[in-house]
PDB file of N, CA and C in Angstrom:
ATOM      1  N   MET A   1     -43.495 -11.271 -18.831  1.00  0.00           N
ATOM      2  CA  MET A   1     -43.877 -12.667 -18.745  1.00  0.00           C
ATOM      3  C   MET A   1     -43.801 -13.284 -20.141  1.00  0.00           C
ATOM      4  N   ARG A   2     -43.112 -14.371 -20.226  1.00  0.00           N
ATOM      5  CA  ARG A   2     -42.934 -15.021 -21.513  1.00  0.00           C
ATOM      6  C   ARG A   2     -44.002 -16.078 -21.728  1.00  0.00           C
ATOM      7  N   CYS A   3     -44.297 -16.327 -22.984  1.00  0.00           N
ATOM      8  CA  CYS A   3     -45.291 -17.345 -23.299  1.00  0.00           C
ATOM      9  C   CYS A   3     -44.684 -18.741 -23.120  1.00  0.00           C
ATOM     10  N   LEU A   4     -45.544 -19.725 -23.086  1.00  0.00           N
ATOM     11  CA  LEU A   4     -45.123 -21.100 -22.875  1.00  0.00           C
ATOM     12  C   LEU A   4     -44.189 -21.575 -23.986  1.00  0.00           C
ATOM     13  N   LEU A   5     -44.478 -21.205 -25.212  1.00  0.00           N
ATOM     14  CA  LEU A   5     -43.625 -21.618 -26.327  1.00  0.00           C
ATOM     15  C   LEU A   5     -42.233 -21.001 -26.218  1.00  0.00           C
ATOM     16  N   CYS A   6     -42.155 -19.736 -25.799  1.00  0.00           N
ATOM     17  CA  CYS A   6     -40.853 -19.097 -25.584  1.00  0.00           C
ATOM     18  C   CYS A   6     -40.040 -19.888 -24.568  1.00  0.00           C
ATOM     19  N   ARG A   7     -40.668 -20.219 -23.450  1.00  0.00           N
ATOM     20  CA  ARG A   7     -39.963 -20.962 -22.405  1.00  0.00           C
ATOM     21  C   ARG A   7     -39.521 -22.336 -22.898  1.00  0.00           C
ATOM     22  N   ASN A   8     -40.385 -23.014 -23.634  1.00  0.00           N
ATOM     23  CA  ASN A   8     -40.015 -24.335 -24.161  1.00  0.00           C
ATOM     24  C   ASN A   8     -38.856 -24.239 -25.142  1.00  0.00           C
ATOM     25  N   LEU A   9     -38.890 -23.236 -26.004  1.00  0.00           N
ATOM     26  CA  LEU A   9     -37.800 -23.056 -26.968  1.00  0.00           C
ATOM     27  C   LEU A   9     -36.497 -22.681 -26.267  1.00  0.00           C
ATOM     28  N   GLU A  10     -36.583 -21.860 -25.210  1.00  0.00           N
ATOM     29  CA  GLU A  10     -35.391 -21.505 -24.451  1.00  0.00           C
ATOM     30  C   GLU A  10     -34.794 -22.736 -23.775  1.00  0.00           C
ATOM     31  N   GLN A  11     -35.657 -23.599 -23.238  1.00  0.00           N
ATOM     32  CA  GLN A  11     -35.174 -24.830 -22.618  1.00  0.00           C
ATOM     33  C   GLN A  11     -34.528 -25.736 -23.662  1.00  0.00           C
ATOM     34  N   ALA A  12     -35.090 -25.779 -24.850  1.00  0.00           N
ATOM     35  CA  ALA A  12     -34.518 -26.591 -25.924  1.00  0.00           C
ATOM     36  C   ALA A  12     -33.133 -26.065 -26.307  1.00  0.00           C
ATOM     37  N   VAL A  13     -32.988 -24.752 -26.382  1.00  0.00           N
ATOM     38  CA  VAL A  13     -31.689 -24.162 -26.713  1.00  0.00           C
ATOM     39  C   VAL A  13     -30.671 -24.523 -25.636  1.00  0.00           C
ATOM     40  N   GLU A  14     -31.059 -24.399 -24.372  1.00  0.00           N
ATOM     41  CA  GLU A  14     -30.127 -24.716 -23.290  1.00  0.00           C
ATOM     42  C   GLU A  14     -29.751 -26.194 -23.300  1.00  0.00           C
ATOM     43  N   ALA A  15     -30.709 -27.066 -23.584  1.00  0.00           N
ATOM     44  CA  ALA A  15     -30.422 -28.500 -23.658  1.00  0.00           C
ATOM     45  C   ALA A  15     -29.462 -28.789 -24.798  1.00  0.00           C
ATOM     46  N   ARG A  16     -29.716 -28.189 -25.969  1.00  0.00           N
ATOM     47  CA  ARG A  16     -28.835 -28.395 -27.115  1.00  0.00           C
ATOM     48  C   ARG A  16     -27.436 -27.843 -26.834  1.00  0.00           C
ATOM     49  N   ARG A  17     -27.389 -26.692 -26.148  1.00  0.00           N
ATOM     50  CA  ARG A  17     -26.097 -26.084 -25.837  1.00  0.00           C
ATOM     51  C   ARG A  17     -25.286 -27.004 -24.919  1.00  0.00           C
ATOM     52  N   SER A  18     -25.917 -27.549 -23.895  1.00  0.00           N
ATOM     53  CA  SER A  18     -25.178 -28.421 -22.980  1.00  0.00           C
ATOM     54  C   SER A  18     -24.744 -29.707 -23.684  1.00  0.00           C
ATOM     55  N   GLU A  19     -25.600 -30.253 -24.557  1.00  0.00           N
ATOM     56  CA  GLU A  19     -25.220 -31.450 -25.317  1.00  0.00           C
ATOM     57  C   GLU A  19     -24.027 -31.151 -26.224  1.00  0.00           C
ATOM     58  N   PHE A  20     -24.075 -29.986 -26.883  1.00  0.00           N
ATOM     59  CA  PHE A  20     -22.984 -29.612 -27.776  1.00  0.00           C
ATOM     60  C   PHE A  20     -21.683 -29.416 -27.001  1.00  0.00           C
ATOM     61  N   LEU A  21     -21.750 -28.721 -25.867  1.00  0.00           N
ATOM     62  CA  LEU A  21     -20.544 -28.491 -25.075  1.00  0.00           C
ATOM     63  C   LEU A  21     -19.955 -29.802 -24.568  1.00  0.00           C
ATOM     64  N   GLN A  22     -20.819 -30.714 -24.174  1.00  0.00           N
ATOM     65  CA  GLN A  22     -20.346 -32.013 -23.719  1.00  0.00           C
ATOM     66  C   GLN A  22     -19.675 -32.769 -24.870  1.00  0.00           C
ATOM     67  N   ALA A  23     -20.311 -32.774 -26.028  1.00  0.00           N
ATOM     68  CA  ALA A  23     -19.731 -33.470 -27.183  1.00  0.00           C
ATOM     69  C   ALA A  23     -18.449 -32.789 -27.642  1.00  0.00           C
ATOM     70  N   SER A  24     -18.395 -31.462 -27.563  1.00  0.00           N
ATOM     71  CA  SER A  24     -17.195 -30.732 -27.979  1.00  0.00           C
ATOM     72  C   SER A  24     -16.024 -31.052 -27.069  1.00  0.00           C
ATOM     73  N   SER A  25     -16.276 -31.171 -25.796  1.00  0.00           N
ATOM     74  CA  SER A  25     -15.180 -31.487 -24.885  1.00  0.00           C
ATOM     75  C   SER A  25     -14.665 -32.896 -25.154  1.00  0.00           C
ATOM     76  N   HIS A  26     -15.553 -33.815 -25.526  1.00  0.00           N
ATOM     77  CA  HIS A  26     -15.121 -35.165 -25.867  1.00  0.00           C
ATOM     78  C   HIS A  26     -14.392 -35.177 -27.219  1.00  0.00           C
ATOM     79  N   SER A  27     -14.855 -34.365 -28.166  1.00  0.00           N
ATOM     80  CA  SER A  27     -14.203 -34.352 -29.478  1.00  0.00           C
ATOM     81  C   SER A  27     -12.805 -33.754 -29.387  1.00  0.00           C
ATOM     82  N   TYR A  28     -12.604 -32.894 -28.390  1.00  0.00           N
ATOM     83  CA  TYR A  28     -11.275 -32.337 -28.173  1.00  0.00           C
ATOM     84  C   TYR A  28     -10.274 -33.453 -27.895  1.00  0.00           C
ATOM     85  N   TYR A  29     -10.733 -34.483 -27.250  1.00  0.00           N
ATOM     86  CA  TYR A  29      -9.864 -35.618 -26.942  1.00  0.00           C
ATOM     87  C   TYR A  29      -9.917 -36.696 -28.018  1.00  0.00           C
ATOM     88  N   GLY A  30     -10.479 -36.377 -29.183  1.00  0.00           N
ATOM     89  CA  GLY A  30     -10.466 -37.276 -30.321  1.00  0.00           C
ATOM     90  C   GLY A  30     -11.657 -38.215 -30.403  1.00  0.00           C
ATOM     91  N   VAL A  31     -12.748 -37.882 -29.720  1.00  0.00           N
ATOM     92  CA  VAL A  31     -13.918 -38.761 -29.726  1.00  0.00           C
ATOM     93  C   VAL A  31     -14.994 -38.144 -30.602  1.00  0.00           C
ATOM     94  N   ASN A  32     -15.287 -38.733 -31.711  1.00  0.00           N
ATOM     95  CA  ASN A  32     -16.424 -38.455 -32.581  1.00  0.00           C
ATOM     96  C   ASN A  32     -16.688 -36.973 -32.884  1.00  0.00           C
ATOM     97  N   ASN A  33     -15.933 -36.421 -33.796  1.00  0.00           N
ATOM     98  CA  ASN A  33     -16.144 -35.045 -34.251  1.00  0.00           C
ATOM     99  C   ASN A  33     -17.465 -34.891 -34.997  1.00  0.00           C
ATOM    100  N   THR A  34     -17.917 -35.954 -35.643  1.00  0.00           N
ATOM    101  CA  THR A  34     -19.171 -35.897 -36.389  1.00  0.00           C
ATOM    102  C   THR A  34     -20.350 -35.624 -35.458  1.00  0.00           C
ATOM    103  N   GLN A  35     -20.341 -36.246 -34.293  1.00  0.00           N
ATOM    104  CA  GLN A  35     -21.410 -36.038 -33.318  1.00  0.00           C
ATOM    105  C   GLN A  35     -21.421 -34.591 -32.840  1.00  0.00           C
ATOM    106  N   ALA A  36     -20.259 -34.024 -32.571  1.00  0.00           N
ATOM    107  CA  ALA A  36     -20.174 -32.633 -32.137  1.00  0.00           C
ATOM    108  C   ALA A  36     -20.683 -31.697 -33.229  1.00  0.00           C
ATOM    109  N   ALA A  37     -20.347 -31.979 -34.481  1.00  0.00           N
ATOM    110  CA  ALA A  37     -20.812 -31.149 -35.591  1.00  0.00           C
ATOM    111  C   ALA A  37     -22.330 -31.230 -35.729  1.00  0.00           C
ATOM    112  N   TYR A  38     -22.869 -32.431 -35.594  1.00  0.00           N
ATOM    113  CA  TYR A  38     -24.328 -32.614 -35.670  1.00  0.00           C
ATOM    114  C   TYR A  38     -25.021 -31.834 -34.552  1.00  0.00           C
ATOM    115  N   LEU A  39     -24.495 -31.913 -33.342  1.00  0.00           N
ATOM    116  CA  LEU A  39     -25.108 -31.210 -32.218  1.00  0.00           C
ATOM    117  C   LEU A  39     -24.978 -29.699 -32.370  1.00  0.00           C
ATOM    118  N   ASN A  40     -23.915 -29.234 -33.025  1.00  0.00           N
ATOM    119  CA  ASN A  40     -23.773 -27.810 -33.304  1.00  0.00           C
ATOM    120  C   ASN A  40     -24.875 -27.342 -34.255  1.00  0.00           C
ATOM    121  N   VAL A  41     -25.172 -28.143 -35.271  1.00  0.00           N
ATOM    122  CA  VAL A  41     -26.256 -27.813 -36.206  1.00  0.00           C
ATOM    123  C   VAL A  41     -27.589 -27.784 -35.472  1.00  0.00           C
ATOM    124  N   GLU A  42     -27.811 -28.756 -34.588  1.00  0.00           N
ATOM    125  CA  GLU A  42     -29.052 -28.792 -33.816  1.00  0.00           C
ATOM    126  C   GLU A  42     -29.170 -27.576 -32.899  1.00  0.00           C
ATOM    127  N   LEU A  43     -28.066 -27.152 -32.307  1.00  0.00           N
ATOM    128  CA  LEU A  43     -28.062 -25.953 -31.465  1.00  0.00           C
ATOM    129  C   LEU A  43     -28.419 -24.726 -32.290  1.00  0.00           C
ATOM    130  N   GLN A  44     -27.820 -24.586 -33.454  1.00  0.00           N
ATOM    131  CA  GLN A  44     -28.116 -23.443 -34.318  1.00  0.00           C
ATOM    132  C   GLN A  44     -29.573 -23.445 -34.764  1.00  0.00           C
ATOM    133  N   ARG A  45     -30.100 -24.621 -35.045  1.00  0.00           N
ATOM    134  CA  ARG A  45     -31.499 -24.746 -35.440  1.00  0.00           C
ATOM    135  C   ARG A  45     -32.427 -24.321 -34.294  1.00  0.00           C
ATOM    136  N   ALA A  46     -32.131 -24.760 -33.086  1.00  0.00           N
ATOM    137  CA  ALA A  46     -32.952 -24.393 -31.931  1.00  0.00           C
ATOM    138  C   ALA A  46     -32.894 -22.889 -31.684  1.00  0.00           C
ATOM    139  N   MET A  47     -31.712 -22.304 -31.824  1.00  0.00           N
ATOM    140  CA  MET A  47     -31.577 -20.855 -31.640  1.00  0.00           C
ATOM    141  C   MET A  47     -32.349 -20.095 -32.706  1.00  0.00           C
ATOM    142  N   SER A  48     -32.334 -20.604 -33.934  1.00  0.00           N
ATOM    143  CA  SER A  48     -33.069 -19.970 -35.026  1.00  0.00           C
ATOM    144  C   SER A  48     -34.581 -20.031 -34.782  1.00  0.00           C
ATOM    145  N   GLU A  49     -35.051 -21.180 -34.324  1.00  0.00           N
ATOM    146  CA  GLU A  49     -36.480 -21.311 -34.023  1.00  0.00           C
ATOM    147  C   GLU A  49     -36.901 -20.349 -32.921  1.00  0.00           C
ATOM    148  N   LEU A  50     -36.072 -20.214 -31.894  1.00  0.00           N
ATOM    149  CA  LEU A  50     -36.382 -19.285 -30.812  1.00  0.00           C
ATOM    150  C   LEU A  50     -36.397 -17.852 -31.322  1.00  0.00           C
ATOM    151  N   GLN A  51     -35.422 -17.481 -32.118  1.00  0.00           N
ATOM    152  CA  GLN A  51     -35.363 -16.120 -32.664  1.00  0.00           C
ATOM    153  C   GLN A  51     -36.563 -15.840 -33.569  1.00  0.00           C
ATOM    154  N   ASP A  52     -36.933 -16.801 -34.399  1.00  0.00           N
ATOM    155  CA  ASP A  52     -38.098 -16.623 -35.269  1.00  0.00           C
ATOM    156  C   ASP A  52     -39.372 -16.442 -34.454  1.00  0.00           C
ATOM    157  N   HIS A  53     -39.528 -17.246 -33.415  1.00  0.00           N
ATOM    158  CA  HIS A  53     -40.726 -17.129 -32.597  1.00  0.00           C
ATOM    159  C   HIS A  53     -40.759 -15.793 -31.868  1.00  0.00           C
ATOM    160  N   ARG A  54     -39.622 -15.374 -31.331  1.00  0.00           N
ATOM    161  CA  ARG A  54     -39.587 -14.099 -30.598  1.00  0.00           C
ATOM    162  C   ARG A  54     -39.922 -12.915 -31.497  1.00  0.00           C
ATOM    163  N   SER A  55     -39.652 -13.039 -32.791  1.00  0.00           N
ATOM    164  CA  SER A  55     -39.943 -11.920 -33.692  1.00  0.00           C
ATOM    165  C   SER A  55     -41.444 -11.712 -33.882  1.00  0.00           C
ATOM    166  N   VAL A  56     -42.249 -12.739 -33.608  1.00  0.00           N
ATOM    167  CA  VAL A  56     -43.691 -12.613 -33.783  1.00  0.00           C
ATOM    168  C   VAL A  56     -44.469 -12.792 -32.485  1.00  0.00           C
ATOM    169  N   CYS A  57     -43.793 -13.155 -31.407  1.00  0.00           N
ATOM    170  CA  CYS A  57     -44.467 -13.427 -30.130  1.00  0.00           C
ATOM    171  C   CYS A  57     -44.892 -12.114 -29.473  1.00  0.00           C
ATOM    172  N   ARG A  58     -46.151 -12.000 -29.179  1.00  0.00           N
ATOM    173  CA  ARG A  58     -46.662 -10.774 -28.552  1.00  0.00           C
ATOM    174  C   ARG A  58     -46.059 -10.552 -27.174  1.00  0.00           C
ATOM    175  N   ALA A  59     -45.870 -11.621 -26.409  1.00  0.00           N
ATOM    176  CA  ALA A  59     -45.302 -11.483 -25.065  1.00  0.00           C
ATOM    177  C   ALA A  59     -43.868 -10.967 -25.130  1.00  0.00           C
ATOM    178  N   ALA A  60     -43.068 -11.497 -26.044  1.00  0.00           N
ATOM    179  CA  ALA A  60     -41.678 -11.057 -26.169  1.00  0.00           C
ATOM    180  C   ALA A  60     -41.598  -9.621 -26.673  1.00  0.00           C
ATOM    181  N   ILE A  61     -42.465  -9.264 -27.599  1.00  0.00           N
ATOM    182  CA  ILE A  61     -42.472  -7.900 -28.138  1.00  0.00           C
ATOM    183  C   ILE A  61     -42.889  -6.908 -27.060  1.00  0.00           C
ATOM    184  N   SER A  62     -43.925  -7.235 -26.300  1.00  0.00           N
ATOM    185  CA  SER A  62     -44.367  -6.321 -25.246  1.00  0.00           C
ATOM    186  C   SER A  62     -43.328  -6.233 -24.140  1.00  0.00           C
ATOM    187  N   GLU A  63     -42.570  -7.309 -23.898  1.00  0.00           N
ATOM    188  CA  GLU A  63     -41.510  -7.287 -22.908  1.00  0.00           C
ATOM    189  C   GLU A  63     -40.411  -6.324 -23.335  1.00  0.00           C
ATOM    190  N   LEU A  64     -40.079  -6.314 -24.618  1.00  0.00           N
ATOM    191  CA  LEU A  64     -39.068  -5.392 -25.125  1.00  0.00           C
ATOM    192  C   LEU A  64     -39.538  -3.950 -25.048  1.00  0.00           C
ATOM    193  N   GLU A  65     -40.839  -3.715 -25.262  1.00  0.00           N
ATOM    194  CA  GLU A  65     -41.374  -2.363 -25.209  1.00  0.00           C
ATOM    195  C   GLU A  65     -41.353  -1.812 -23.794  1.00  0.00           C
ATOM    196  N   CYS A  66     -41.391  -2.689 -22.796  1.00  0.00           N
ATOM    197  CA  CYS A  66     -41.380  -2.251 -21.398  1.00  0.00           C
ATOM    198  C   CYS A  66     -39.980  -1.895 -20.908  1.00  0.00           C
ATOM    199  N   LEU A  67     -38.949  -2.354 -21.614  1.00  0.00           N
ATOM    200  CA  LEU A  67     -37.589  -2.053 -21.197  1.00  0.00           C
ATOM    201  C   LEU A  67     -37.292  -0.573 -21.434  1.00  0.00           C
ATOM    202  N   PRO A  68     -36.503   0.028 -20.558  1.00  0.00           N
ATOM    203  CA  PRO A  68     -36.161   1.440 -20.758  1.00  0.00           C
ATOM    204  C   PRO A  68     -35.270   1.606 -21.983  1.00  0.00           C
ATOM    205  N   ASN A  69     -35.373   2.753 -22.571  1.00  0.00           N
ATOM    206  CA  ASN A  69     -34.562   3.087 -23.732  1.00  0.00           C
ATOM    207  C   ASN A  69     -33.097   3.154 -23.316  1.00  0.00           C
ATOM    208  N   VAL A  70     -32.194   2.684 -24.160  1.00  0.00           N
ATOM    209  CA  VAL A  70     -30.771   2.675 -23.845  1.00  0.00           C
ATOM    210  C   VAL A  70     -30.277   4.095 -23.583  1.00  0.00           C
ATOM    211  N   ALA A  71     -30.788   5.056 -24.311  1.00  0.00           N
ATOM    212  CA  ALA A  71     -30.362   6.441 -24.122  1.00  0.00           C
ATOM    213  C   ALA A  71     -30.725   6.937 -22.725  1.00  0.00           C
ATOM    214  N   GLN A  72     -31.804   6.443 -22.170  1.00  0.00           N
ATOM    215  CA  GLN A  72     -32.205   6.850 -20.828  1.00  0.00           C
ATOM    216  C   GLN A  72     -31.283   6.260 -19.766  1.00  0.00           C
ATOM    217  N   LEU A  73     -30.648   5.144 -20.069  1.00  0.00           N
ATOM    218  CA  LEU A  73     -29.783   4.479 -19.100  1.00  0.00           C
ATOM    219  C   LEU A  73     -28.390   5.090 -19.030  1.00  0.00           C
ATOM    220  N   ARG A  74     -27.993   5.796 -20.062  1.00  0.00           N
ATOM    221  CA  ARG A  74     -26.647   6.369 -20.095  1.00  0.00           C
ATOM    222  C   ARG A  74     -26.568   7.574 -19.168  1.00  0.00           C
ATOM    223  N   HIS A  75     -25.450   7.627 -18.468  1.00  0.00           N
ATOM    224  CA  HIS A  75     -25.207   8.753 -17.576  1.00  0.00           C
ATOM    225  C   HIS A  75     -24.337   9.768 -18.297  1.00  0.00           C
ATOM    226  N   PRO A  76     -24.462  11.046 -17.958  1.00  0.00           N
ATOM    227  CA  PRO A  76     -23.587  12.036 -18.589  1.00  0.00           C
ATOM    228  C   PRO A  76     -22.133  11.760 -18.196  1.00  0.00           C
ATOM    229  N   PRO A  77     -21.188  12.076 -19.065  1.00  0.00           N
ATOM    230  CA  PRO A  77     -19.781  11.827 -18.746  1.00  0.00           C
ATOM    231  C   PRO A  77     -19.343  12.636 -17.532  1.00  0.00           C
ATOM    232  N   ARG A  78     -18.548  12.005 -16.713  1.00  0.00           N
ATOM    233  CA  ARG A  78     -18.054  12.681 -15.514  1.00  0.00           C
ATOM    234  C   ARG A  78     -16.761  13.407 -15.847  1.00  0.00           C
ATOM    235  N   SER A  79     -16.585  14.554 -15.229  1.00  0.00           N
ATOM    236  CA  SER A  79     -15.323  15.264 -15.421  1.00  0.00           C
ATOM    237  C   SER A  79     -14.301  14.647 -14.475  1.00  0.00           C
ATOM    238  N   THR A  80     -13.051  14.647 -14.905  1.00  0.00           N
ATOM    239  CA  THR A  80     -12.003  14.069 -14.072  1.00  0.00           C
ATOM    240  C   THR A  80     -11.608  15.063 -13.001  1.00  0.00           C
ATOM    241  N   PRO A  81     -11.409  14.589 -11.778  1.00  0.00           N
ATOM    242  CA  PRO A  81     -11.042  15.506 -10.701  1.00  0.00           C
ATOM    243  C   PRO A  81      -9.677  16.145 -10.960  1.00  0.00           C
ATOM    244  N   GLY A  82      -9.563  17.395 -10.611  1.00  0.00           N
ATOM    245  CA  GLY A  82      -8.305  18.104 -10.787  1.00  0.00           C
ATOM    246  C   GLY A  82      -8.161  18.788 -12.129  1.00  0.00           C
ATOM    247  N   LYS A  83      -9.017  18.471 -13.072  1.00  0.00           N
ATOM    248  CA  LYS A  83      -8.954  19.122 -14.383  1.00  0.00           C
ATOM    249  C   LYS A  83      -9.983  20.222 -14.424  1.00  0.00           C
ATOM    250  N   VAL A  84      -9.573  21.328 -14.958  1.00  0.00           N
ATOM    251  CA  VAL A  84     -10.475  22.453 -15.119  1.00  0.00           C
ATOM    252  C   VAL A  84     -10.894  22.516 -16.572  1.00  0.00           C
ATOM    253  N   GLU A  85     -12.193  22.487 -16.800  1.00  0.00           N
ATOM    254  CA  GLU A  85     -12.675  22.544 -18.169  1.00  0.00           C
ATOM    255  C   GLU A  85     -12.938  23.994 -18.536  1.00  0.00           C
ATOM    256  N   ARG A  86     -12.404  24.396 -19.645  1.00  0.00           N
ATOM    257  CA  ARG A  86     -12.597  25.765 -20.104  1.00  0.00           C
ATOM    258  C   ARG A  86     -13.730  25.827 -21.085  1.00  0.00           C
ATOM    259  N   VAL A  87     -14.527  26.833 -20.945  1.00  0.00           N
ATOM    260  CA  VAL A  87     -15.639  27.055 -21.863  1.00  0.00           C
ATOM    261  C   VAL A  87     -15.273  28.218 -22.757  1.00  0.00           C
ATOM    262  N   ALA A  88     -15.326  28.002 -24.052  1.00  0.00           N
ATOM    263  CA  ALA A  88     -14.943  29.050 -24.985  1.00  0.00           C
ATOM    264  C   ALA A  88     -16.092  29.962 -25.284  1.00  0.00           C
TER     265      ALA A  88
END
């Protein structure tokens, strides 16, 4: 469960991302590159704020601790059918 600030920051990132993508598609057609650049900076700022908050947020940290270890998720390699593996 994420804290309220995490959710608000995530929504801000998504809003900035959609604004940037919209402005970028317009700038592709020659409409206001400055606006697209400004919105890119705002997107990066929102992402930075979210990352900074997640580094100290107890809810986000405890959520990461509950996730299984990557090593536990890996399956042993499968042998290919028809090949005989020799043990020395």
